[in-house]
């Protein structure tokens, strides 16, 4: 299995199942990934975008849990924990994205 085919297969698995015909009977992935560095960047970007979308939603869920706790100490603590761990998750997502940028500098 050649390297380009492997990268295309990984790109399709991680970044969607849509494939386009190139007019010559072959299939072309919708994303132009030519190297391992491009694949890492595409996967990291996808995960970063998912995390950035989910983080504010988790803060809203934590706020709703907090508002509907009605003084129950356990529910209040669960809401605080959810918001705290969401903040840690945002930090990890941003740190991971930065780490990918640094690793790409070494690969290229």
PDB file of N, CA and C in Angstrom:
ATOM      1  N   UNK A   1       0.853  -1.165   0.000  1.00  0.00           N
ATOM      2  CA  UNK A   1       0.000   0.000   0.000  1.00  0.00           C
ATOM      3  C   UNK A   1       0.904   1.234   0.000  1.00  0.00           C
ATOM      4  N   UNK A   2       0.675   2.116  -0.951  1.00  0.00           N
ATOM      5  CA  UNK A   2       1.548   3.287  -1.011  1.00  0.00           C
ATOM      6  C   UNK A   2       1.120   4.349  -0.004  1.00  0.00           C
ATOM      7  N   UNK A   3       2.014   5.291   0.223  1.00  0.00           N
ATOM      8  CA  UNK A   3       1.823   6.293   1.263  1.00  0.00           C
ATOM      9  C   UNK A   3       0.635   7.212   0.975  1.00  0.00           C
ATOM     10  N   UNK A   4       0.471   7.621  -0.270  1.00  0.00           N
ATOM     11  CA  UNK A   4      -0.614   8.538  -0.617  1.00  0.00           C
ATOM     12  C   UNK A   4      -1.978   7.868  -0.404  1.00  0.00           C
ATOM     13  N   UNK A   5      -2.090   6.612  -0.790  1.00  0.00           N
ATOM     14  CA  UNK A   5      -3.340   5.887  -0.598  1.00  0.00           C
ATOM     15  C   UNK A   5      -3.664   5.753   0.885  1.00  0.00           C
ATOM     16  N   UNK A   6      -2.649   5.456   1.692  1.00  0.00           N
ATOM     17  CA  UNK A   6      -2.861   5.339   3.129  1.00  0.00           C
ATOM     18  C   UNK A   6      -3.311   6.662   3.726  1.00  0.00           C
ATOM     19  N   UNK A   7      -2.689   7.763   3.327  1.00  0.00           N
ATOM     20  CA  UNK A   7      -3.094   9.077   3.817  1.00  0.00           C
ATOM     21  C   UNK A   7      -4.521   9.409   3.396  1.00  0.00           C
ATOM     22  N   UNK A   8      -4.884   9.062   2.179  1.00  0.00           N
ATOM     23  CA  UNK A   8      -6.254   9.318   1.720  1.00  0.00           C
ATOM     24  C   UNK A   8      -7.267   8.501   2.504  1.00  0.00           C
ATOM     25  N   UNK A   9      -6.942   7.259   2.797  1.00  0.00           N
ATOM     26  CA  UNK A   9      -7.848   6.410   3.570  1.00  0.00           C
ATOM     27  C   UNK A   9      -8.023   6.982   4.979  1.00  0.00           C
ATOM     28  N   UNK A  10      -6.913   7.380   5.608  1.00  0.00           N
ATOM     29  CA  UNK A  10      -7.003   7.966   6.943  1.00  0.00           C
ATOM     30  C   UNK A  10      -7.784   9.273   6.919  1.00  0.00           C
ATOM     31  N   UNK A  11      -7.574  10.070   5.887  1.00  0.00           N
ATOM     32  CA  UNK A  11      -8.312  11.330   5.772  1.00  0.00           C
ATOM     33  C   UNK A  11      -9.805  11.067   5.639  1.00  0.00           C
ATOM     34  N   UNK A  12     -10.171  10.076   4.878  1.00  0.00           N
ATOM     35  CA  UNK A  12     -11.588   9.758   4.707  1.00  0.00           C
ATOM     36  C   UNK A  12     -12.202   9.236   5.997  1.00  0.00           C
ATOM     37  N   UNK A  13     -11.446   8.432   6.738  1.00  0.00           N
ATOM     38  CA  UNK A  13     -11.972   7.901   7.988  1.00  0.00           C
ATOM     39  C   UNK A  13     -12.190   8.987   9.021  1.00  0.00           C
ATOM     40  N   UNK A  14     -11.252   9.910   9.127  1.00  0.00           N
ATOM     41  CA  UNK A  14     -11.321  10.926  10.169  1.00  0.00           C
ATOM     42  C   UNK A  14     -12.090  12.169   9.757  1.00  0.00           C
ATOM     43  N   UNK A  15     -12.155  12.459   8.478  1.00  0.00           N
ATOM     44  CA  UNK A  15     -12.667  13.752   8.058  1.00  0.00           C
ATOM     45  C   UNK A  15     -13.900  13.662   7.175  1.00  0.00           C
ATOM     46  N   UNK A  16     -14.535  12.550   7.131  1.00  0.00           N
ATOM     47  CA  UNK A  16     -15.774  12.442   6.370  1.00  0.00           C
ATOM     48  C   UNK A  16     -15.668  11.388   5.289  1.00  0.00           C
ATOM     49  N   UNK A  17     -16.787  10.886   4.876  1.00  0.00           N
ATOM     50  CA  UNK A  17     -16.811   9.817   3.907  1.00  0.00           C
ATOM     51  C   UNK A  17     -17.114  10.250   2.497  1.00  0.00           C
ATOM     52  N   UNK A  18     -17.074  11.527   2.208  1.00  0.00           N
ATOM     53  CA  UNK A  18     -17.395  11.988   0.870  1.00  0.00           C
ATOM     54  C   UNK A  18     -16.189  11.875  -0.046  1.00  0.00           C
ATOM     55  N   UNK A  19     -16.405  11.302  -1.213  1.00  0.00           N
ATOM     56  CA  UNK A  19     -15.340  11.140  -2.190  1.00  0.00           C
ATOM     57  C   UNK A  19     -15.883  11.606  -3.533  1.00  0.00           C
ATOM     58  N   UNK A  20     -15.041  12.261  -4.310  1.00  0.00           N
ATOM     59  CA  UNK A  20     -15.449  12.785  -5.599  1.00  0.00           C
ATOM     60  C   UNK A  20     -14.696  12.078  -6.715  1.00  0.00           C
ATOM     61  N   UNK A  21     -15.329  11.975  -7.882  1.00  0.00           N
ATOM     62  CA  UNK A  21     -14.678  11.385  -9.048  1.00  0.00           C
ATOM     63  C   UNK A  21     -13.815  12.434  -9.723  1.00  0.00           C
ATOM     64  N   UNK A  22     -12.665  12.005 -10.264  1.00  0.00           N
ATOM     65  CA  UNK A  22     -11.768  12.945 -10.913  1.00  0.00           C
ATOM     66  C   UNK A  22     -11.959  12.994 -12.422  1.00  0.00           C
ATOM     67  N   UNK A  23     -12.945  12.302 -12.946  1.00  0.00           N
ATOM     68  CA  UNK A  23     -13.212  12.326 -14.384  1.00  0.00           C
ATOM     69  C   UNK A  23     -12.462  11.251 -15.142  1.00  0.00           C
ATOM     70  N   UNK A  24     -11.516  10.586 -14.492  1.00  0.00           N
ATOM     71  CA  UNK A  24     -10.730   9.543 -15.145  1.00  0.00           C
ATOM     72  C   UNK A  24     -11.011   8.177 -14.531  1.00  0.00           C
ATOM     73  N   UNK A  25     -12.110   8.060 -13.844  1.00  0.00           N
ATOM     74  CA  UNK A  25     -12.462   6.790 -13.233  1.00  0.00           C
ATOM     75  C   UNK A  25     -11.880   6.606 -11.848  1.00  0.00           C
ATOM     76  N   UNK A  26     -11.096   7.567 -11.364  1.00  0.00           N
ATOM     77  CA  UNK A  26     -10.507   7.477 -10.039  1.00  0.00           C
ATOM     78  C   UNK A  26     -11.301   8.293  -9.041  1.00  0.00           C
ATOM     79  N   UNK A  27     -11.003   8.086  -7.808  1.00  0.00           N
ATOM     80  CA  UNK A  27     -11.669   8.812  -6.736  1.00  0.00           C
ATOM     81  C   UNK A  27     -10.684   9.793  -6.110  1.00  0.00           C
ATOM     82  N   UNK A  28     -11.182  10.951  -5.773  1.00  0.00           N
ATOM     83  CA  UNK A  28     -10.363  11.996  -5.176  1.00  0.00           C
ATOM     84  C   UNK A  28     -10.989  12.379  -3.839  1.00  0.00           C
ATOM     85  N   UNK A  29     -10.221  12.362  -2.762  1.00  0.00           N
ATOM     86  CA  UNK A  29     -10.787  12.779  -1.482  1.00  0.00           C
ATOM     87  C   UNK A  29     -11.091  14.272  -1.505  1.00  0.00           C
ATOM     88  N   UNK A  30     -12.053  14.710  -0.738  1.00  0.00           N
ATOM     89  CA  UNK A  30     -12.421  16.120  -0.752  1.00  0.00           C
ATOM     90  C   UNK A  30     -11.396  17.024  -0.072  1.00  0.00           C
ATOM     91  N   UNK A  31     -10.453  16.438   0.632  1.00  0.00           N
ATOM     92  CA  UNK A  31      -9.444  17.207   1.338  1.00  0.00           C
ATOM     93  C   UNK A  31      -8.097  16.908   0.708  1.00  0.00           C
ATOM     94  N   UNK A  32      -7.324  17.941   0.477  1.00  0.00           N
ATOM     95  CA  UNK A  32      -6.027  17.786  -0.177  1.00  0.00           C
ATOM     96  C   UNK A  32      -4.953  17.528   0.879  1.00  0.00           C
ATOM     97  N   UNK A  33      -4.744  16.255   1.191  1.00  0.00           N
ATOM     98  CA  UNK A  33      -3.739  15.866   2.175  1.00  0.00           C
ATOM     99  C   UNK A  33      -2.639  15.128   1.445  1.00  0.00           C
ATOM    100  N   UNK A  34      -1.436  15.692   1.516  1.00  0.00           N
ATOM    101  CA  UNK A  34      -0.317  15.130   0.777  1.00  0.00           C
ATOM    102  C   UNK A  34       0.791  14.598   1.674  1.00  0.00           C
ATOM    103  N   UNK A  35       0.718  14.907   2.970  1.00  0.00           N
ATOM    104  CA  UNK A  35       1.788  14.465   3.857  1.00  0.00           C
ATOM    105  C   UNK A  35       1.216  14.140   5.234  1.00  0.00           C
ATOM    106  N   UNK A  36       2.063  13.533   6.035  1.00  0.00           N
ATOM    107  CA  UNK A  36       1.667  13.206   7.395  1.00  0.00           C
ATOM    108  C   UNK A  36       1.392  14.477   8.188  1.00  0.00           C
ATOM    109  N   UNK A  37       2.168  15.495   7.939  1.00  0.00           N
ATOM    110  CA  UNK A  37       1.969  16.774   8.611  1.00  0.00           C
ATOM    111  C   UNK A  37       0.596  17.357   8.296  1.00  0.00           C
ATOM    112  N   UNK A  38       0.174  17.274   7.042  1.00  0.00           N
ATOM    113  CA  UNK A  38      -1.154  17.759   6.655  1.00  0.00           C
ATOM    114  C   UNK A  38      -2.252  16.950   7.327  1.00  0.00           C
ATOM    115  N   UNK A  39      -2.055  15.639   7.425  1.00  0.00           N
ATOM    116  CA  UNK A  39      -3.045  14.782   8.067  1.00  0.00           C
ATOM    117  C   UNK A  39      -3.167  15.108   9.555  1.00  0.00           C
ATOM    118  N   UNK A  40      -2.031  15.278  10.223  1.00  0.00           N
ATOM    119  CA  UNK A  40      -2.055  15.635  11.647  1.00  0.00           C
ATOM    120  C   UNK A  40      -2.757  16.967  11.846  1.00  0.00           C
ATOM    121  N   UNK A  41      -2.453  17.924  10.977  1.00  0.00           N
ATOM    122  CA  UNK A  41      -3.088  19.230  11.081  1.00  0.00           C
ATOM    123  C   UNK A  41      -4.598  19.139  10.862  1.00  0.00           C
ATOM    124  N   UNK A  42      -5.015  18.346   9.892  1.00  0.00           N
ATOM    125  CA  UNK A  42      -6.445  18.216   9.609  1.00  0.00           C
ATOM    126  C   UNK A  42      -7.185  17.561  10.771  1.00  0.00           C
ATOM    127  N   UNK A  43      -6.605  16.524  11.346  1.00  0.00           N
ATOM    128  CA  UNK A  43      -7.241  15.842  12.481  1.00  0.00           C
ATOM    129  C   UNK A  43      -7.278  16.769  13.693  1.00  0.00           C
ATOM    130  N   UNK A  44      -6.170  17.452  13.960  1.00  0.00           N
ATOM    131  CA  UNK A  44      -6.124  18.365  15.103  1.00  0.00           C
ATOM    132  C   UNK A  44      -7.120  19.507  14.941  1.00  0.00           C
ATOM    133  N   UNK A  45      -7.250  20.024  13.731  1.00  0.00           N
ATOM    134  CA  UNK A  45      -8.208  21.094  13.479  1.00  0.00           C
ATOM    135  C   UNK A  45      -9.630  20.605  13.699  1.00  0.00           C
ATOM    136  N   UNK A  46      -9.923  19.398  13.229  1.00  0.00           N
ATOM    137  CA  UNK A  46     -11.254  18.821  13.402  1.00  0.00           C
ATOM    138  C   UNK A  46     -11.581  18.647  14.887  1.00  0.00           C
ATOM    139  N   UNK A  47     -10.654  18.078  15.645  1.00  0.00           N
ATOM    140  CA  UNK A  47     -10.879  17.890  17.077  1.00  0.00           C
ATOM    141  C   UNK A  47     -10.978  19.225  17.811  1.00  0.00           C
ATOM    142  N   UNK A  48     -10.154  20.195  17.412  1.00  0.00           N
ATOM    143  CA  UNK A  48     -10.199  21.527  18.014  1.00  0.00           C
ATOM    144  C   UNK A  48     -11.563  22.161  17.784  1.00  0.00           C
ATOM    145  N   UNK A  49     -12.073  22.076  16.564  1.00  0.00           N
ATOM    146  CA  UNK A  49     -13.377  22.668  16.253  1.00  0.00           C
ATOM    147  C   UNK A  49     -14.499  21.999  17.040  1.00  0.00           C
ATOM    148  N   UNK A  50     -14.457  20.692  17.160  1.00  0.00           N
ATOM    149  CA  UNK A  50     -15.473  19.983  17.949  1.00  0.00           C
ATOM    150  C   UNK A  50     -15.410  20.430  19.408  1.00  0.00           C
ATOM    151  N   UNK A  51     -14.202  20.526  19.959  1.00  0.00           N
ATOM    152  CA  UNK A  51     -14.045  20.943  21.348  1.00  0.00           C
ATOM    153  C   UNK A  51     -14.505  22.371  21.587  1.00  0.00           C
ATOM    154  N   UNK A  52     -14.200  23.254  20.657  1.00  0.00           N
ATOM    155  CA  UNK A  52     -14.594  24.651  20.801  1.00  0.00           C
ATOM    156  C   UNK A  52     -16.114  24.799  20.688  1.00  0.00           C
ATOM    157  N   UNK A  53     -16.755  23.929  19.948  1.00  0.00           N
ATOM    158  CA  UNK A  53     -18.222  23.964  19.850  1.00  0.00           C
ATOM    159  C   UNK A  53     -18.860  23.398  21.120  1.00  0.00           C
ATOM    160  N   UNK A  54     -18.301  22.314  21.644  1.00  0.00           N
ATOM    161  CA  UNK A  54     -18.901  21.654  22.803  1.00  0.00           C
ATOM    162  C   UNK A  54     -18.654  22.385  24.119  1.00  0.00           C
ATOM    163  N   UNK A  55     -17.546  23.083  24.247  1.00  0.00           N
ATOM    164  CA  UNK A  55     -17.200  23.724  25.528  1.00  0.00           C
ATOM    165  C   UNK A  55     -18.247  24.734  25.992  1.00  0.00           C
ATOM    166  N   UNK A  56     -18.677  25.682  25.160  1.00  0.00           N
ATOM    167  CA  UNK A  56     -19.713  26.609  25.648  1.00  0.00           C
ATOM    168  C   UNK A  56     -21.026  25.895  25.985  1.00  0.00           C
ATOM    169  N   UNK A  57     -21.336  24.851  25.242  1.00  0.00           N
ATOM    170  CA  UNK A  57     -22.552  24.093  25.548  1.00  0.00           C
ATOM    171  C   UNK A  57     -22.458  23.444  26.930  1.00  0.00           C
ATOM    172  N   UNK A  58     -21.274  22.963  27.279  1.00  0.00           N
ATOM    173  CA  UNK A  58     -21.107  22.350  28.597  1.00  0.00           C
ATOM    174  C   UNK A  58     -21.197  23.396  29.704  1.00  0.00           C
ATOM    175  N   UNK A  59     -20.725  24.622  29.446  1.00  0.00           N
ATOM    176  CA  UNK A  59     -20.899  25.694  30.428  1.00  0.00           C
ATOM    177  C   UNK A  59     -22.380  26.016  30.618  1.00  0.00           C
ATOM    178  N   UNK A  60     -23.142  26.000  29.534  1.00  0.00           N
ATOM    179  CA  UNK A  60     -24.583  26.254  29.631  1.00  0.00           C
ATOM    180  C   UNK A  60     -25.257  25.140  30.431  1.00  0.00           C
ATOM    181  N   UNK A  61     -24.885  23.901  30.154  1.00  0.00           N
ATOM    182  CA  UNK A  61     -25.455  22.775  30.906  1.00  0.00           C
ATOM    183  C   UNK A  61     -25.105  22.905  32.389  1.00  0.00           C
ATOM    184  N   UNK A  62     -23.861  23.264  32.684  1.00  0.00           N
ATOM    185  CA  UNK A  62     -23.461  23.471  34.077  1.00  0.00           C
ATOM    186  C   UNK A  62     -24.235  24.600  34.734  1.00  0.00           C
ATOM    187  N   UNK A  63     -24.476  25.671  33.992  1.00  0.00           N
ATOM    188  CA  UNK A  63     -25.265  26.780  34.524  1.00  0.00           C
ATOM    189  C   UNK A  63     -26.693  26.382  34.809  1.00  0.00           C
ATOM    190  N   UNK A  64     -27.274  25.605  33.907  1.00  0.00           N
ATOM    191  CA  UNK A  64     -28.639  25.121  34.121  1.00  0.00           C
ATOM    192  C   UNK A  64     -28.688  24.188  35.329  1.00  0.00           C
ATOM    193  N   UNK A  65     -27.673  23.320  35.445  1.00  0.00           N
ATOM    194  CA  UNK A  65     -27.617  22.437  36.614  1.00  0.00           C
ATOM    195  C   UNK A  65     -27.511  23.256  37.899  1.00  0.00           C
ATOM    196  N   UNK A  66     -26.709  24.305  37.862  1.00  0.00           N
ATOM    197  CA  UNK A  66     -26.526  25.161  39.037  1.00  0.00           C
ATOM    198  C   UNK A  66     -27.824  25.886  39.391  1.00  0.00           C
ATOM    199  N   UNK A  67     -28.499  26.407  38.364  1.00  0.00           N
ATOM    200  CA  UNK A  67     -29.728  27.174  38.606  1.00  0.00           C
ATOM    201  C   UNK A  67     -30.867  26.297  39.094  1.00  0.00           C
ATOM    202  N   UNK A  68     -30.872  25.035  38.696  1.00  0.00           N
ATOM    203  CA  UNK A  68     -31.965  24.135  39.086  1.00  0.00           C
ATOM    204  C   UNK A  68     -31.607  23.262  40.288  1.00  0.00           C
ATOM    205  N   UNK A  69     -30.493  23.554  40.957  1.00  0.00           N
ATOM    206  CA  UNK A  69     -30.081  22.747  42.118  1.00  0.00           C
ATOM    207  C   UNK A  69     -30.957  23.015  43.333  1.00  0.00           C
ATOM    208  N   UNK A  70     -31.551  24.195  43.442  1.00  0.00           N
ATOM    209  CA  UNK A  70     -32.447  24.564  44.541  1.00  0.00           C
ATOM    210  C   UNK A  70     -31.817  24.318  45.911  1.00  0.00           C
ATOM    211  N   UNK A  71     -30.536  24.670  46.032  1.00  0.00           N
ATOM    212  CA  UNK A  71     -29.868  24.571  47.323  1.00  0.00           C
ATOM    213  C   UNK A  71     -29.325  23.204  47.668  1.00  0.00           C
ATOM    214  N   UNK A  72     -29.527  22.220  46.824  1.00  0.00           N
ATOM    215  CA  UNK A  72     -29.001  20.883  47.075  1.00  0.00           C
ATOM    216  C   UNK A  72     -27.481  20.926  46.889  1.00  0.00           C
ATOM    217  N   UNK A  73     -26.744  20.670  47.963  1.00  0.00           N
ATOM    218  CA  UNK A  73     -25.284  20.812  47.946  1.00  0.00           C
ATOM    219  C   UNK A  73     -24.625  19.858  46.943  1.00  0.00           C
ATOM    220  N   UNK A  74     -25.149  18.663  46.803  1.00  0.00           N
ATOM    221  CA  UNK A  74     -24.568  17.693  45.865  1.00  0.00           C
ATOM    222  C   UNK A  74     -24.736  18.159  44.426  1.00  0.00           C
ATOM    223  N   UNK A  75     -25.923  18.647  44.093  1.00  0.00           N
ATOM    224  CA  UNK A  75     -26.165  19.130  42.729  1.00  0.00           C
ATOM    225  C   UNK A  75     -25.339  20.379  42.422  1.00  0.00           C
ATOM    226  N   UNK A  76     -25.199  21.254  43.407  1.00  0.00           N
ATOM    227  CA  UNK A  76     -24.383  22.453  43.210  1.00  0.00           C
ATOM    228  C   UNK A  76     -22.924  22.054  42.971  1.00  0.00           C
ATOM    229  N   UNK A  77     -22.430  21.100  43.750  1.00  0.00           N
ATOM    230  CA  UNK A  77     -21.051  20.650  43.576  1.00  0.00           C
ATOM    231  C   UNK A  77     -20.861  19.980  42.219  1.00  0.00           C
ATOM    232  N   UNK A  78     -21.846  19.201  41.769  1.00  0.00           N
ATOM    233  CA  UNK A  78     -21.759  18.574  40.446  1.00  0.00           C
ATOM    234  C   UNK A  78     -21.707  19.631  39.342  1.00  0.00           C
ATOM    235  N   UNK A  79     -22.496  20.675  39.476  1.00  0.00           N
ATOM    236  CA  UNK A  79     -22.492  21.750  38.486  1.00  0.00           C
ATOM    237  C   UNK A  79     -21.151  22.473  38.479  1.00  0.00           C
ATOM    238  N   UNK A  80     -20.608  22.752  39.651  1.00  0.00           N
ATOM    239  CA  UNK A  80     -19.303  23.400  39.741  1.00  0.00           C
ATOM    240  C   UNK A  80     -18.207  22.521  39.141  1.00  0.00           C
ATOM    241  N   UNK A  81     -18.279  21.225  39.430  1.00  0.00           N
ATOM    242  CA  UNK A  81     -17.291  20.300  38.862  1.00  0.00           C
ATOM    243  C   UNK A  81     -17.369  20.268  37.343  1.00  0.00           C
ATOM    244  N   UNK A  82     -18.580  20.252  36.803  1.00  0.00           N
ATOM    245  CA  UNK A  82     -18.745  20.238  35.352  1.00  0.00           C
ATOM    246  C   UNK A  82     -18.111  21.477  34.721  1.00  0.00           C
ATOM    247  N   UNK A  83     -18.369  22.639  35.303  1.00  0.00           N
ATOM    248  CA  UNK A  83     -17.796  23.864  34.755  1.00  0.00           C
ATOM    249  C   UNK A  83     -16.283  23.912  34.943  1.00  0.00           C
ATOM    250  N   UNK A  84     -15.791  23.415  36.066  1.00  0.00           N
ATOM    251  CA  UNK A  84     -14.348  23.386  36.303  1.00  0.00           C
ATOM    252  C   UNK A  84     -13.654  22.472  35.298  1.00  0.00           C
ATOM    253  N   UNK A  85     -14.188  21.270  35.110  1.00  0.00           N
ATOM    254  CA  UNK A  85     -13.563  20.335  34.176  1.00  0.00           C
ATOM    255  C   UNK A  85     -13.724  20.787  32.728  1.00  0.00           C
ATOM    256  N   UNK A  86     -14.770  21.523  32.435  1.00  0.00           N
ATOM    257  CA  UNK A  86     -14.908  22.109  31.103  1.00  0.00           C
ATOM    258  C   UNK A  86     -13.817  23.146  30.866  1.00  0.00           C
ATOM    259  N   UNK A  87     -13.525  23.949  31.866  1.00  0.00           N
ATOM    260  CA  UNK A  87     -12.444  24.931  31.745  1.00  0.00           C
ATOM    261  C   UNK A  87     -11.099  24.232  31.555  1.00  0.00           C
ATOM    262  N   UNK A  88     -10.874  23.156  32.287  1.00  0.00           N
ATOM    263  CA  UNK A  88      -9.642  22.382  32.102  1.00  0.00           C
ATOM    264  C   UNK A  88      -9.601  21.800  30.690  1.00  0.00           C
ATOM    265  N   UNK A  89     -10.733  21.322  30.206  1.00  0.00           N
ATOM    266  CA  UNK A  89     -10.799  20.776  28.850  1.00  0.00           C
ATOM    267  C   UNK A  89     -10.458  21.813  27.795  1.00  0.00           C
ATOM    268  N   UNK A  90     -10.942  23.038  27.967  1.00  0.00           N
ATOM    269  CA  UNK A  90     -10.612  24.108  27.020  1.00  0.00           C
ATOM    270  C   UNK A  90      -9.109  24.365  27.042  1.00  0.00           C
ATOM    271  N   UNK A  91      -8.533  24.391  28.227  1.00  0.00           N
ATOM    272  CA  UNK A  91      -7.089  24.592  28.347  1.00  0.00           C
ATOM    273  C   UNK A  91      -6.321  23.474  27.634  1.00  0.00           C
ATOM    274  N   UNK A  92      -6.746  22.232  27.823  1.00  0.00           N
ATOM    275  CA  UNK A  92      -6.081  21.095  27.180  1.00  0.00           C
ATOM    276  C   UNK A  92      -6.223  21.174  25.664  1.00  0.00           C
ATOM    277  N   UNK A  93      -7.391  21.565  25.169  1.00  0.00           N
ATOM    278  CA  UNK A  93      -7.616  21.678  23.730  1.00  0.00           C
ATOM    279  C   UNK A  93      -6.679  22.722  23.132  1.00  0.00           C
ATOM    280  N   UNK A  94      -6.587  23.873  23.771  1.00  0.00           N
ATOM    281  CA  UNK A  94      -5.715  24.936  23.255  1.00  0.00           C
ATOM    282  C   UNK A  94      -4.255  24.511  23.351  1.00  0.00           C
ATOM    283  N   UNK A  95      -3.878  23.858  24.438  1.00  0.00           N
ATOM    284  CA  UNK A  95      -2.511  23.385  24.599  1.00  0.00           C
ATOM    285  C   UNK A  95      -2.177  22.321  23.550  1.00  0.00           C
ATOM    286  N   UNK A  96      -3.100  21.422  23.289  1.00  0.00           N
ATOM    287  CA  UNK A  96      -2.874  20.378  22.286  1.00  0.00           C
ATOM    288  C   UNK A  96      -2.716  20.990  20.894  1.00  0.00           C
ATOM    289  N   UNK A  97      -3.520  21.982  20.585  1.00  0.00           N
ATOM    290  CA  UNK A  97      -3.417  22.650  19.287  1.00  0.00           C
ATOM    291  C   UNK A  97      -2.049  23.317  19.143  1.00  0.00           C
ATOM    292  N   UNK A  98      -1.581  23.933  20.214  1.00  0.00           N
ATOM    293  CA  UNK A  98      -0.262  24.556  20.190  1.00  0.00           C
ATOM    294  C   UNK A  98       0.829  23.507  20.014  1.00  0.00           C
ATOM    295  N   UNK A  99       0.671  22.376  20.680  1.00  0.00           N
ATOM    296  CA  UNK A  99       1.647  21.296  20.562  1.00  0.00           C
ATOM    297  C   UNK A  99       1.711  20.764  19.134  1.00  0.00           C
ATOM    298  N   UNK A 100       0.567  20.656  18.482  1.00  0.00           N
ATOM    299  CA  UNK A 100       0.543  20.200  17.090  1.00  0.00           C
ATOM    300  C   UNK A 100       1.295  21.188  16.205  1.00  0.00           C
ATOM    301  N   UNK A 101       1.121  22.471  16.448  1.00  0.00           N
ATOM    302  CA  UNK A 101       1.835  23.482  15.665  1.00  0.00           C
ATOM    303  C   UNK A 101       3.340  23.337  15.848  1.00  0.00           C
ATOM    304  N   UNK A 102       3.781  23.090  17.079  1.00  0.00           N
ATOM    305  CA  UNK A 102       5.208  22.917  17.339  1.00  0.00           C
ATOM    306  C   UNK A 102       5.727  21.654  16.653  1.00  0.00           C
ATOM    307  N   UNK A 103       4.977  20.554  16.755  1.00  0.00           N
ATOM    308  CA  UNK A 103       5.398  19.308  16.115  1.00  0.00           C
ATOM    309  C   UNK A 103       5.456  19.436  14.605  1.00  0.00           C
ATOM    310  N   UNK A 104       4.541  20.193  14.028  1.00  0.00           N
ATOM    311  CA  UNK A 104       4.584  20.417  12.576  1.00  0.00           C
ATOM    312  C   UNK A 104       5.838  21.159  12.173  1.00  0.00           C
ATOM    313  N   UNK A 105       6.299  22.050  13.024  1.00  0.00           N
ATOM    314  CA  UNK A 105       7.543  22.757  12.742  1.00  0.00           C
ATOM    315  C   UNK A 105       8.723  21.805  12.677  1.00  0.00           C
ATOM    316  N   UNK A 106       8.720  20.756  13.501  1.00  0.00           N
ATOM    317  CA  UNK A 106       9.784  19.771  13.461  1.00  0.00           C
ATOM    318  C   UNK A 106       9.667  18.833  12.270  1.00  0.00           C
ATOM    319  N   UNK A 107       8.448  18.493  11.869  1.00  0.00           N
ATOM    320  CA  UNK A 107       8.228  17.566  10.758  1.00  0.00           C
ATOM    321  C   UNK A 107       8.583  18.194   9.422  1.00  0.00           C
ATOM    322  N   UNK A 108       8.204  19.462   9.245  1.00  0.00           N
ATOM    323  CA  UNK A 108       8.425  20.107   7.940  1.00  0.00           C
ATOM    324  C   UNK A 108       9.848  20.417   7.686  1.00  0.00           C
TER     325      UNK A 108
END
